[in-house]
Amino acid sequence: AGITGFGWQGFKKMNLWSPTDRTPKFCAAYIRVLIQGIQLLRTGDFNPQVDDGIRKAFLRRVKFSKPEDFGSGALRRDVWEAFNSLQTELAQAYYEYPDQFTPDIPWIESLLEDAYL
């Protein structure tokens, strides 16, 4: 839930139809969150680095693009296709491994206490 909520906030800010200087950053961040969510659900590991060479190259292409690159159609189309396929892959991973994780409540409480007290 946290992954999709965080990702959705970035998705709302990316503004693909009237791109700004921040659009590439938000697009890349949303794609990265989806990839990390898939990895977490499938393996139980969270790695901030995207190790898949093809996905990593695509992330770099998106992140270092210019806002006007999204207006040409090709990049915007590729980004939408990535969103659709990764969202589907994330949903499949969620349904394939629904009971894989149990929250460690004492650890979470300790983390919150350390952070806020």
Protein backbone atom coordinates (compact mmCIF):
# COMPACT_ATOMS: atom_id res chain seq x y z
CA ALA A 1 0.00 0.00 0.00
CA GLY A 2 2.83 2.39 0.83
CA ILE A 3 4.53 1.78 -2.49
CA THR A 4 1.40 2.47 -4.50
CA GLY A 5 0.50 5.52 -2.39
CA PHE A 6 3.96 7.04 -2.74
CA GLY A 7 4.01 6.22 -6.43
CA TRP A 8 0.55 7.71 -7.00
CA GLN A 9 1.62 11.03 -5.47
CA GLY A 10 4.49 11.26 -7.96
CA PHE A 11 2.22 10.15 -10.79
CA LYS A 12 -0.18 13.01 -10.07
CA LYS A 13 2.68 15.53 -10.20
CA MET A 14 4.37 14.41 -13.41
CA ASN A 15 2.05 16.24 -15.83
CA LEU A 16 2.75 14.36 -19.06
CA TRP A 17 0.37 16.51 -21.12
CA SER A 18 1.99 19.85 -20.23
CA PRO A 19 5.51 18.77 -19.24
CA THR A 20 7.66 20.93 -16.98
CA ASP A 21 11.29 20.63 -15.93
CA ARG A 22 10.18 18.23 -13.16
CA THR A 23 8.25 15.84 -15.42
CA PRO A 24 11.25 13.62 -16.26
CA LYS A 25 12.17 13.33 -12.57
CA PHE A 26 8.63 12.36 -11.54
CA CYS A 27 8.30 9.86 -14.40
CA ALA A 28 11.59 8.17 -13.51
CA ALA A 29 10.69 8.11 -9.81
CA TYR A 30 7.31 6.50 -10.51
CA ILE A 31 8.90 3.83 -12.70
CA ARG A 32 11.57 3.17 -10.06
CA VAL A 33 8.93 2.77 -7.32
CA LEU A 34 7.00 0.26 -9.42
CA ILE A 35 10.17 -1.75 -10.14
CA GLN A 36 11.17 -1.72 -6.46
CA GLY A 37 7.67 -2.77 -5.41
CA ILE A 38 7.76 -5.73 -7.79
CA GLN A 39 11.17 -6.76 -6.47
CA LEU A 40 10.05 -6.42 -2.85
CA LEU A 41 6.93 -8.53 -3.37
CA ARG A 42 8.73 -11.24 -5.31
CA THR A 43 11.90 -11.55 -3.25
CA GLY A 44 11.32 -9.85 0.09
CA ASP A 45 14.34 -7.64 -0.58
CA PHE A 46 14.37 -3.90 -1.12
CA ASN A 47 17.23 -2.67 -3.25
CA PRO A 48 17.33 1.06 -4.05
CA GLN A 49 19.42 0.28 -7.15
CA VAL A 50 17.72 -0.97 -10.30
CA ASP A 51 19.93 -3.84 -11.42
CA ASP A 52 18.09 -4.84 -14.59
CA GLY A 53 20.18 -3.34 -17.41
CA ILE A 54 17.26 -2.73 -19.78
CA ARG A 55 15.11 -1.09 -17.12
CA LYS A 56 18.06 0.91 -15.83
CA ALA A 57 18.81 2.22 -19.34
CA PHE A 58 15.16 3.19 -19.79
CA LEU A 59 15.13 4.97 -16.43
CA ARG A 60 18.19 6.98 -17.45
CA ARG A 61 16.60 7.83 -20.81
CA VAL A 62 13.50 9.14 -19.04
CA LYS A 63 15.28 10.91 -16.19
CA PHE A 64 17.71 12.81 -18.41
CA SER A 65 15.20 13.77 -21.09
CA LYS A 66 13.94 17.29 -21.62
CA PRO A 67 10.31 18.30 -21.06
CA GLU A 68 9.84 18.87 -24.79
CA ASP A 69 10.85 15.23 -25.45
CA PHE A 70 7.52 14.19 -23.94
CA GLY A 71 5.57 16.24 -26.48
CA SER A 72 7.00 14.39 -29.47
CA GLY A 73 4.88 11.35 -28.73
CA ALA A 74 7.53 8.61 -28.80
CA LEU A 75 8.87 9.11 -25.29
CA ARG A 76 5.43 9.80 -23.85
CA ARG A 77 4.15 6.60 -25.51
CA ASP A 78 7.10 4.57 -24.16
CA VAL A 79 6.55 5.97 -20.66
CA TRP A 80 2.83 5.12 -20.73
CA GLU A 81 3.64 1.60 -21.94
CA ALA A 82 6.13 1.21 -19.08
CA PHE A 83 3.55 2.47 -16.57
CA ASN A 84 0.95 0.01 -17.84
CA SER A 85 3.23 -3.03 -17.95
CA LEU A 86 4.84 -2.31 -14.57
CA GLN A 87 1.49 -1.64 -12.88
CA THR A 88 0.24 -4.97 -14.22
CA GLU A 89 3.42 -6.73 -13.11
CA LEU A 90 3.11 -5.18 -9.63
CA ALA A 91 -0.52 -6.34 -9.32
CA GLN A 92 0.45 -9.85 -10.44
CA ALA A 93 3.28 -9.98 -7.90
CA TYR A 94 0.88 -8.81 -5.18
CA TYR A 95 -1.62 -11.56 -5.99
CA GLU A 96 1.06 -14.25 -6.42
CA TYR A 97 2.61 -13.60 -3.00
CA PRO A 98 -0.22 -12.28 -0.77
CA ASP A 99 0.88 -13.97 2.46
CA GLN A 100 4.63 -13.77 2.01
CA PHE A 101 5.15 -10.98 4.50
CA THR A 102 4.08 -10.42 8.06
CA PRO A 103 4.71 -7.00 9.60
CA ASP A 104 7.26 -6.94 12.42
CA ILE A 105 5.24 -4.71 14.74
CA PRO A 106 7.88 -4.43 17.51
CA TRP A 107 10.51 -3.37 14.97
CA ILE A 108 8.14 -0.80 13.42
CA GLU A 109 7.27 0.61 16.84
CA SER A 110 10.95 0.83 17.76
CA LEU A 111 11.74 2.62 14.51
CA LEU A 112 8.95 5.13 15.10
CA GLU A 113 9.98 5.70 18.69
CA ASP A 114 13.59 6.32 17.63
CA ALA A 115 12.49 8.68 14.89
CA TYR A 116 9.94 10.71 16.82
CA LEU A 117 10.87 10.54 20.50
